Amino acid sequence: MSFENLNLHPLILKAIVDSGYTEPTPIQEQAIPELLAGHDIMASAQTGTGKTAAFMLPALHRLATPSKVHSRGPRVLVLTPTRELALQVSEAAAKYGKHLPRVKVVSILGGMPYPLQNKLLSQPVDILVATPGRLIDHIQRGRIDFSRLEMMVLDEADRMLDMGFIDDVERIASATPATRQTLLFSATLDSAIDKVAARLLKTPKRIQIAAQQARLDNIEQRLHYVDDLSHKNRLLDHLLRDMALKQAIVFTATKRDADTLADNLSAQGHEAAALHGDMSQRDRTRTLTKLRHGGLRVLVATDVAARGIDVAGITHVINFDLPKFAEDYVHRIGRTGRAGAAGIAVSFASGKDGVNLKKIERFTGQQIASHVVPGLEPRFKPRPGAGGASRGTPNVAHKRSRTWSNDTSGRNANSANGNRDNSRGRSFDSDNRGNSFRGSSNPSPYARTK
């Protein structure tokens, strides 16, 4: 099937051709006809499957016809859990609607100055992309008129549920016309999502695109066991010095660790910076812009960066701290291997991460092979059946070669509650670092020991 078969407006089709797309993805092929027909939908689609276009193209098609209601308020509202994802959706709306006359896209996000947002909302708006908390603030101040709203999109609904935003989402929905068309997109459609859909959607069409294994085929997954924080730091330094690594995202469990690790990597000569929920929107945007333009080689981030970052140059993802939830693992490593390119995902794990590893492998349907870097072997022996421990002999390569095929296994995840990031309503665990980044008796956490 081609996009021409979907009966979209000719000016939208022109923008699609300009973007280099020829055929719709499965989620686009199934969702767009239902949305053009006016149905509510609840759809399961993973990141990287084209779901943004799946709802934005029908939304723009609707905007091609003038509204019968005279108002400055939005005709389309998109709610996202993170600022990065909101900005990505706004960019997609501008790209696909560039040939349509007078389509105004506005983003309302936490971290943006209120005077700027007030000015944007005082002008006519067609598509409003917002995070729930900040939008609630403007609704309470009477700055938004939803009288002509025709479509509401809940993007990454499972993430908003995890982050505790669903009450805000329901408050926002109650302020919109009951006649609106409602779309719900989620990584999974479980009982909790079903309950939300039952309250907000009207006899929705259900669309499920299950392709976890296929999505990961172009990403090589590797596991390194580590003994403690010092071992983990030495492994990370070794991996980052591989010339095959163009750009990498290193995931940590807490905001504090992201800042500290980024500072230490910078001190070691790596082009590194942190990204997390405590940063201002200006700093986050500046960091992501620098990453996209190639001025940053290593981004150290919490799970706030797991969704909404689409940078083609990311060749590697490194899980410095293993995520607690298997879904987060998939979203993390999905930052590499974009647009059909190959990618490498490396995870550090200790003997106490066996349960999490099993959950990840069960969720993805794939086993993660363990690797060892000569000279950086773990002291402990993983228990049989713990994640990748039962794979047989680890892959050991020549010590002088610094390619990723020579990587190792190891990690100490004796966890304690760390700082909680905006990407979860629950705390992520961080390593029980008796040897913390700051205050370590070792003057350089990356120095090799004899």
Protein backbone atom coordinates (compact mmCIF):
# COMPACT_ATOMS: atom_id res chain seq x y z
CA MET A 1 0.00 0.00 0.00
CA SER A 2 1.14 3.56 -0.72
CA PHE A 3 0.20 6.77 1.10
CA GLU A 4 -1.90 7.77 -1.92
CA ASN A 5 -4.27 4.89 -1.08
CA LEU A 6 -5.00 6.40 2.35
CA ASN A 7 -6.98 9.34 0.87
CA LEU A 8 -4.98 12.03 2.64
CA HIS A 9 -5.07 15.66 1.52
CA PRO A 10 -2.82 16.30 -1.54
CA LEU A 11 -0.76 18.94 0.30
CA ILE A 12 -0.06 16.44 3.08
CA LEU A 13 0.97 13.83 0.52
CA LYS A 14 3.36 16.38 -0.94
CA ALA A 15 5.00 16.84 2.48
CA ILE A 16 5.26 13.05 2.87
CA VAL A 17 7.07 12.81 -0.47
CA ASP A 18 9.37 15.65 0.60
CA SER A 19 10.21 13.62 3.73
CA GLY A 20 11.26 10.66 1.59
CA TYR A 21 8.53 8.26 2.73
CA THR A 22 6.98 5.93 0.17
CA GLU A 23 4.96 3.32 2.06
CA PRO A 24 3.09 3.55 5.38
CA THR A 25 4.23 1.47 8.33
CA PRO A 26 1.80 -1.14 9.77
CA ILE A 27 0.53 1.22 12.49
CA GLN A 28 -0.01 3.98 9.91
CA GLU A 29 -1.73 1.62 7.49
CA GLN A 30 -4.17 0.43 10.14
CA ALA A 31 -4.75 3.60 12.15
CA ILE A 32 -5.08 6.31 9.48
CA PRO A 33 -8.24 4.93 7.75
CA GLU A 34 -9.98 4.47 11.13
CA LEU A 35 -9.08 8.01 12.17
CA LEU A 36 -10.21 9.53 8.87
CA ALA A 37 -13.50 7.70 9.39
CA GLY A 38 -13.88 9.50 12.74
CA HIS A 39 -13.41 6.55 15.10
CA ASP A 40 -11.72 6.66 18.49
CA ILE A 41 -8.77 4.27 18.61
CA MET A 42 -6.50 2.68 21.19
CA ALA A 43 -3.31 1.45 19.62
CA SER A 44 -0.28 -0.47 20.79
CA ALA A 45 2.85 0.68 18.95
CA GLN A 46 6.46 0.75 20.02
CA THR A 47 8.80 3.68 19.56
CA GLY A 48 10.28 3.88 16.08
CA THR A 49 7.23 2.38 14.34
CA GLY A 50 5.93 5.66 12.91
CA LYS A 51 3.11 6.23 15.37
CA THR A 52 3.59 10.04 15.44
CA ALA A 53 2.73 10.21 11.75
CA ALA A 54 -0.09 7.71 12.35
CA PHE A 55 -2.01 10.32 14.35
CA MET A 56 -0.52 13.56 13.02
CA LEU A 57 -1.33 12.94 9.34
CA PRO A 58 -5.09 12.45 10.02
CA ALA A 59 -5.03 15.44 12.38
CA LEU A 60 -3.57 17.66 9.65
CA HIS A 61 -6.06 16.25 7.16
CA ARG A 62 -8.81 17.44 9.49
CA LEU A 63 -7.22 20.90 9.73
CA ALA A 64 -7.29 21.25 5.93
CA THR A 65 -11.02 21.94 6.32
CA PRO A 66 -11.78 25.22 8.15
CA SER A 67 -13.48 24.97 11.53
CA LYS A 68 -17.11 26.06 11.87
CA VAL A 69 -16.41 27.32 15.41
CA HIS A 70 -14.84 30.78 15.73
CA SER A 71 -12.26 30.61 18.50
CA ARG A 72 -8.54 31.01 19.10
CA GLY A 73 -8.33 27.69 20.90
CA PRO A 74 -6.75 24.52 19.46
CA ARG A 75 -8.51 22.07 17.18
CA VAL A 76 -6.06 19.29 18.01
CA LEU A 77 -4.55 18.58 21.44
CA VAL A 78 -1.63 16.15 21.90
CA LEU A 79 -0.61 15.19 25.44
CA THR A 80 2.85 13.68 25.97
CA PRO A 81 4.65 12.54 29.16
CA THR A 82 7.95 14.34 28.51
CA ARG A 83 9.14 17.62 27.07
CA GLU A 84 11.44 15.89 24.58
CA LEU A 85 8.57 13.89 23.13
CA ALA A 86 6.38 17.01 22.97
CA LEU A 87 9.04 18.84 20.97
CA GLN A 88 9.43 15.85 18.65
CA VAL A 89 5.66 15.78 18.01
CA SER A 90 5.66 19.54 17.35
CA GLU A 91 8.48 19.16 14.82
CA ALA A 92 6.59 16.35 13.08
CA ALA A 93 3.43 18.50 12.88
CA ALA A 94 5.40 21.35 11.32
CA LYS A 95 7.10 18.99 8.84
CA TYR A 96 3.96 17.20 7.64
CA GLY A 97 1.84 20.36 7.60
CA LYS A 98 4.32 22.72 5.94
CA HIS A 99 2.31 22.97 2.70
CA LEU A 100 -1.03 23.57 4.43
CA PRO A 101 -1.97 27.24 4.80
CA ARG A 102 -1.92 28.83 8.27
CA VAL A 103 -1.37 25.79 10.51
CA LYS A 104 -0.12 27.10 13.86
CA VAL A 105 1.59 24.58 16.18
CA VAL A 106 2.27 25.57 19.80
CA SER A 107 4.12 23.64 22.53
CA ILE A 108 3.27 24.18 26.22
CA LEU A 109 5.90 22.54 28.40
CA GLY A 110 7.26 22.64 31.91
CA GLY A 111 10.45 24.68 32.05
CA MET A 112 9.33 27.21 29.44
CA PRO A 113 8.83 30.81 30.65
CA TYR A 114 5.19 31.60 31.44
CA PRO A 115 5.25 35.00 29.65
CA LEU A 116 6.26 33.28 26.41
CA GLN A 117 3.55 30.64 26.80
CA ASN A 118 0.94 33.27 27.62
CA LYS A 119 1.85 35.13 24.44
CA LEU A 120 1.59 31.95 22.33
CA LEU A 121 -1.81 31.07 23.81
CA SER A 122 -3.15 34.57 23.18
CA GLN A 123 -2.88 33.93 19.44
CA PRO A 124 -4.91 31.49 17.31
CA VAL A 125 -3.68 27.89 17.74
CA ASP A 126 -4.43 24.87 15.55
CA ILE A 127 -2.34 22.12 17.19
CA LEU A 128 -1.44 22.32 20.87
CA VAL A 129 1.21 19.88 22.12
CA ALA A 130 1.59 19.84 25.90
CA THR A 131 2.75 18.01 28.98
CA PRO A 132 -0.16 17.50 31.42
CA GLY A 133 1.15 19.42 34.44
CA ARG A 134 1.85 22.68 32.65
CA LEU A 135 -1.39 22.48 30.66
CA ILE A 136 -3.37 22.12 33.90
CA ASP A 137 -1.79 25.37 35.13
CA HIS A 138 -3.01 27.26 32.07
CA ILE A 139 -6.48 25.69 32.22
CA GLN A 140 -6.85 26.80 35.85
CA ARG A 141 -5.85 30.34 34.85
CA GLY A 142 -8.48 30.37 32.10
CA ARG A 143 -5.97 30.88 29.30
CA ILE A 144 -7.16 28.06 27.00
CA ASP A 145 -10.44 27.82 25.12
CA PHE A 146 -11.30 24.27 24.09
CA SER A 147 -14.61 25.17 22.43
CA ARG A 148 -13.44 24.14 18.96
CA LEU A 149 -11.32 21.12 19.98
CA GLU A 150 -11.98 18.21 17.63
CA MET A 151 -9.24 15.68 18.45
CA MET A 152 -7.30 14.73 21.60
CA VAL A 153 -4.27 12.42 21.42
CA LEU A 154 -2.76 10.61 24.42
CA ASP A 155 0.76 9.75 23.31
CA GLU A 156 2.70 7.18 25.38
CA ALA A 157 -0.31 6.65 27.65
CA ASP A 158 1.45 3.87 29.56
CA ARG A 159 4.25 6.25 30.48
CA MET A 160 1.79 8.91 31.64
CA LEU A 161 0.12 6.27 33.78
CA ASP A 162 3.45 5.26 35.33
CA MET A 163 4.34 8.89 36.00
CA GLY A 164 1.08 9.57 37.81
CA PHE A 165 -0.31 11.91 35.12
CA ILE A 166 -3.58 10.09 34.47
CA ASP A 167 -5.55 12.17 36.99
CA ASP A 168 -4.32 15.31 35.21
CA VAL A 169 -5.20 13.79 31.85
CA GLU A 170 -8.74 13.07 33.01
CA ARG A 171 -9.08 16.64 34.35
CA ILE A 172 -7.94 17.97 30.97
CA ALA A 173 -10.35 15.67 29.14
CA SER A 174 -13.24 16.90 31.29
CA ALA A 175 -12.51 20.45 30.09
CA THR A 176 -12.84 19.45 26.42
CA PRO A 177 -15.99 18.87 24.32
CA ALA A 178 -17.58 15.44 24.67
CA THR A 179 -17.82 15.34 20.88
CA ARG A 180 -14.04 15.17 20.46
CA GLN A 181 -12.30 12.25 18.74
CA THR A 182 -9.87 10.60 21.19
CA LEU A 183 -6.75 8.62 20.32
CA LEU A 184 -4.72 6.58 22.80
CA PHE A 185 -1.27 5.26 21.91
CA SER A 186 0.64 3.00 24.28
CA ALA A 187 3.56 0.58 24.21
CA THR A 188 1.26 -2.03 25.73
CA LEU A 189 -2.50 -2.41 26.09
CA ASP A 190 -2.95 -3.93 29.55
CA SER A 191 -5.79 -3.83 32.08
CA ALA A 192 -4.70 -0.46 33.49
CA ILE A 193 -4.74 1.12 30.02
CA ASP A 194 -8.09 -0.52 29.32
CA LYS A 195 -9.56 1.23 32.38
CA VAL A 196 -8.27 4.59 31.21
CA ALA A 197 -9.63 3.98 27.71
CA ALA A 198 -13.04 3.01 29.10
CA ARG A 199 -13.29 6.41 30.81
CA LEU A 200 -12.01 8.58 27.97
CA LEU A 201 -12.80 6.85 24.66
CA LYS A 202 -16.08 6.05 22.91
CA THR A 203 -16.32 2.50 21.47
CA PRO A 204 -12.70 2.64 20.28
CA LYS A 205 -11.17 0.54 17.55
CA ARG A 206 -8.33 -1.56 18.97
CA ILE A 207 -5.08 -1.79 16.99
CA GLN A 208 -2.09 -3.84 18.16
CA ILE A 209 1.24 -3.90 16.36
CA ALA A 210 3.32 -6.53 18.16
CA ALA A 211 6.85 -6.53 16.79
CA GLN A 212 9.25 -6.47 19.72
CA GLN A 213 11.65 -9.03 18.28
CA ALA A 214 11.59 -7.55 14.78
CA ARG A 215 12.35 -4.11 16.15
CA LEU A 216 15.52 -5.34 17.83
CA ASP A 217 16.92 -7.37 14.96
CA ASN A 218 19.26 -4.57 13.87
CA ILE A 219 20.53 -3.93 17.43
CA GLU A 220 23.30 -6.16 18.76
CA GLN A 221 22.81 -6.65 22.49
CA ARG A 222 25.75 -7.34 24.80
CA LEU A 223 26.04 -7.98 28.52
CA HIS A 224 28.98 -7.19 30.81
CA TYR A 225 29.07 -8.46 34.38
CA VAL A 226 30.77 -6.09 36.83
CA ASP A 227 31.98 -6.48 40.41
CA ASP A 228 31.63 -2.94 41.72
CA LEU A 229 31.48 0.72 40.72
CA SER A 230 35.21 0.97 40.04
CA HIS A 231 35.02 -2.02 37.71
CA LYS A 232 32.02 -0.49 35.98
CA ASN A 233 33.82 2.83 35.48
CA ARG A 234 36.88 1.16 33.96
CA LEU A 235 34.71 -0.81 31.57
CA LEU A 236 32.85 2.32 30.52
CA ASP A 237 36.09 4.16 29.86
CA HIS A 238 37.31 1.23 27.74
CA LEU A 239 34.09 1.14 25.70
CA LEU A 240 33.98 4.90 25.11
CA ARG A 241 37.53 4.87 23.74
CA ASP A 242 36.48 2.56 20.92
CA MET A 243 36.90 4.47 17.66
CA ALA A 244 33.86 2.67 16.19
CA LEU A 245 31.65 4.52 18.65
CA LYS A 246 30.37 7.67 16.96
CA GLN A 247 27.79 8.83 19.51
CA ALA A 248 26.44 7.08 22.59
CA ILE A 249 23.77 7.48 25.24
CA VAL A 250 24.79 6.19 28.69
CA PHE A 251 21.79 5.55 30.96
CA THR A 252 22.00 5.96 34.73
CA ALA A 253 19.36 5.31 37.38
CA THR A 254 19.37 8.75 39.01
CA LYS A 255 19.75 12.41 38.09
CA ARG A 256 22.57 12.86 40.58
CA ASP A 257 24.55 10.03 38.99
CA ALA A 258 23.94 11.41 35.49
CA ASP A 259 25.44 14.77 36.47
CA THR A 260 28.38 13.23 38.30
CA LEU A 261 29.21 10.69 35.62
CA ALA A 262 29.00 13.32 32.87
CA ASP A 263 31.37 15.58 34.85
CA ASN A 264 33.86 12.76 35.36
CA LEU A 265 33.72 11.72 31.70
CA SER A 266 34.35 15.32 30.65
CA ALA A 267 37.32 15.47 33.00
CA GLN A 268 38.67 12.35 31.30
CA GLY A 269 38.54 14.02 27.90
CA HIS A 270 35.22 12.70 26.59
CA GLU A 271 32.76 15.10 24.95
CA ALA A 272 30.00 14.36 27.47
CA ALA A 273 26.96 16.10 28.94
CA ALA A 274 24.01 15.13 31.15
CA LEU A 275 20.27 15.16 30.38
CA HIS A 276 17.61 14.72 33.06
CA GLY A 277 14.38 16.13 34.44
CA ASP A 278 15.90 18.71 36.80
CA MET A 279 17.45 20.68 33.95
CA SER A 280 15.71 23.77 32.57
CA GLN A 281 14.06 23.47 29.18
CA ARG A 282 16.65 25.81 27.71
CA ASP A 283 19.53 23.62 28.93
CA ARG A 284 17.83 20.43 27.75
CA THR A 285 17.15 21.89 24.32
CA ARG A 286 20.73 23.17 24.05
CA THR A 287 22.12 19.74 24.98
CA LEU A 288 19.93 17.90 22.47
CA THR A 289 20.75 20.40 19.73
CA LYS A 290 24.44 19.89 20.38
CA LEU A 291 23.93 16.10 20.24
CA ARG A 292 22.06 16.31 16.93
CA HIS A 293 24.72 18.54 15.38
CA GLY A 294 27.53 16.19 16.37
CA GLY A 295 29.06 18.47 18.99
CA LEU A 296 28.44 15.90 21.71
CA ARG A 297 29.75 12.34 21.62
CA VAL A 298 28.38 10.99 24.93
CA LEU A 299 25.00 11.85 26.45
CA VAL A 300 24.57 10.64 30.05
CA ALA A 301 20.86 10.46 30.73
CA THR A 302 18.12 9.13 32.94
CA ASP A 303 15.02 7.49 31.48
CA VAL A 304 13.60 10.90 30.66
CA ALA A 305 15.68 10.53 27.48
CA ALA A 306 14.48 7.02 26.64
CA ARG A 307 11.52 8.34 24.66
CA GLY A 308 11.38 11.28 22.34
CA ILE A 309 15.03 11.37 21.20
CA ASP A 310 15.52 10.52 17.55
CA VAL A 311 19.16 11.13 16.60
CA ALA A 312 20.47 9.16 13.64
CA GLY A 313 24.08 9.36 14.84
CA ILE A 314 23.56 7.28 18.00
CA THR A 315 25.56 4.12 17.32
CA HIS A 316 25.67 2.78 20.89
CA VAL A 317 23.51 2.69 23.99
CA ILE A 318 25.13 1.75 27.31
CA ASN A 319 23.04 0.79 30.32
CA PHE A 320 25.40 1.91 33.09
CA ASP A 321 22.54 1.03 35.45
CA LEU A 322 20.12 -1.65 34.33
CA PRO A 323 16.50 -0.42 34.28
CA LYS A 324 13.96 -1.90 36.68
CA PHE A 325 11.31 -2.32 34.01
CA ALA A 326 11.73 -4.38 30.85
CA GLU A 327 9.75 -1.86 28.79
CA ASP A 328 12.30 0.81 29.68
CA TYR A 329 15.10 -1.42 28.41
CA VAL A 330 13.44 -1.59 24.99
CA HIS A 331 12.88 2.15 24.85
CA ARG A 332 16.45 2.83 25.93
CA ILE A 333 18.15 0.65 23.35
CA GLY A 334 15.70 1.88 20.73
CA ARG A 335 17.67 5.14 20.71
CA THR A 336 20.20 3.35 18.47
CA GLY A 337 19.57 1.42 15.28
CA ARG A 338 17.23 4.15 13.99
CA ALA A 339 15.88 4.23 10.44
CA GLY A 340 17.19 0.74 9.64
CA ALA A 341 20.77 1.44 10.72
CA ALA A 342 22.70 -1.05 12.85
CA GLY A 343 23.25 -0.32 16.54
CA ILE A 344 24.92 -1.79 19.60
CA ALA A 345 23.40 -1.94 23.09
CA VAL A 346 25.66 -2.79 26.06
CA SER A 347 24.37 -3.46 29.56
CA PHE A 348 26.29 -3.66 32.85
CA ALA A 349 24.91 -6.11 35.41
CA SER A 350 25.89 -7.72 38.70
CA GLY A 351 24.90 -11.05 40.16
CA LYS A 352 21.96 -9.35 41.86
CA ASP A 353 20.50 -8.24 38.52
CA GLY A 354 19.51 -11.77 37.52
CA VAL A 355 15.78 -11.20 38.02
CA ASN A 356 15.78 -8.00 35.95
CA LEU A 357 17.76 -9.69 33.20
CA LYS A 358 15.25 -12.55 33.03
CA LYS A 359 12.39 -10.06 32.76
CA ILE A 360 14.13 -8.20 29.95
CA GLU A 361 14.90 -11.37 28.01
CA ARG A 362 11.36 -12.66 28.48
CA PHE A 363 9.92 -9.33 27.30
CA THR A 364 12.13 -9.09 24.20
CA GLY A 365 12.15 -12.80 23.43
CA GLN A 366 15.94 -12.65 23.05
CA GLN A 367 18.90 -13.75 25.16
CA ILE A 368 21.70 -11.27 25.80
CA ALA A 369 25.14 -12.75 25.22
CA SER A 370 27.76 -11.98 27.89
CA HIS A 371 31.17 -10.60 26.86
CA VAL A 372 34.52 -10.19 28.63
CA VAL A 373 37.30 -7.67 28.02
CA PRO A 374 40.71 -9.25 28.78
CA GLY A 375 42.17 -7.56 31.82
CA LEU A 376 38.73 -6.40 32.98
CA GLU A 377 37.18 -9.78 33.77
CA PRO A 378 34.65 -9.93 36.63
CA ARG A 379 35.79 -11.69 39.80
CA PHE A 380 32.42 -13.25 40.60
CA LYS A 381 30.89 -16.11 38.64
CA PRO A 382 27.28 -15.50 37.60
CA ARG A 383 24.82 -18.10 38.80
CA PRO A 384 23.52 -20.45 36.06
CA GLY A 385 20.29 -19.13 34.63
CA ALA A 386 20.93 -15.55 35.75
CA GLY A 387 20.37 -13.53 32.61
CA GLY A 388 23.09 -14.34 30.10
CA ALA A 389 25.13 -16.41 32.56
CA SER A 390 24.12 -19.79 31.18
CA ARG A 391 25.31 -19.09 27.65
CA GLY A 392 28.52 -21.05 27.97
CA THR A 393 32.00 -19.58 27.64
CA PRO A 394 32.02 -15.76 27.45
CA ASN A 395 33.33 -14.11 24.32
CA VAL A 396 36.98 -13.20 25.06
CA ALA A 397 39.00 -11.39 22.41
CA HIS A 398 42.53 -10.07 22.06
CA LYS A 399 43.47 -7.46 24.65
CA ARG A 400 44.98 -4.99 22.21
CA SER A 401 41.91 -4.75 20.04
CA ARG A 402 39.49 -2.07 21.24
CA THR A 403 36.52 -3.12 19.16
CA TRP A 404 33.10 -3.74 20.70
CA SER A 405 33.36 -7.44 20.02
CA ASN A 406 36.01 -7.53 22.76
CA ASP A 407 33.70 -6.28 25.48
CA THR A 408 33.33 -7.83 28.90
CA SER A 409 30.89 -8.84 31.57
CA GLY A 410 30.42 -7.52 35.05
CA ARG A 411 28.58 -5.23 37.47
CA ASN A 412 27.61 -4.57 41.07
CA ALA A 413 23.97 -3.60 41.42
CA ASN A 414 23.57 -3.65 45.18
CA SER A 415 20.88 -1.02 44.87
CA ALA A 416 19.48 1.67 47.07
CA ASN A 417 16.83 4.23 46.19
CA GLY A 418 18.26 7.06 44.16
CA ASN A 419 16.81 10.33 42.95
CA ARG A 420 13.54 9.93 41.16
CA ASP A 421 13.35 11.30 37.64
CA ASN A 422 10.36 12.74 35.85
CA SER A 423 10.05 9.65 33.67
CA ARG A 424 8.59 7.47 36.45
CA GLY A 425 6.34 7.94 39.41
CA ARG A 426 8.47 5.32 41.14
CA SER A 427 12.06 5.59 42.21
CA PHE A 428 14.73 3.96 40.11
CA ASP A 429 17.39 2.06 41.97
CA SER A 430 21.00 3.17 41.88
CA ASP A 431 24.12 1.30 42.84
CA ASN A 432 24.93 1.06 46.54
CA ARG A 433 28.07 3.00 46.02
CA GLY A 434 30.28 2.68 49.01
CA ASN A 435 32.79 3.98 46.44
CA SER A 436 30.78 6.98 45.23
CA PHE A 437 31.82 9.10 42.27
CA ARG A 438 32.62 11.95 44.62
CA GLY A 439 34.55 11.02 47.72
CA SER A 440 36.13 7.92 46.24
CA SER A 441 39.45 6.96 47.75
CA ASN A 442 40.60 6.35 44.19
CA PRO A 443 41.69 9.75 42.78
CA SER A 444 40.47 8.76 39.33
CA PRO A 445 37.50 6.36 39.03
CA TYR A 446 38.63 5.54 35.52
CA ALA A 447 42.26 4.73 36.34
CA ARG A 448 43.19 1.17 35.53
CA THR A 449 44.39 -0.95 38.42
CA LYS A 450 47.15 -3.45 38.14
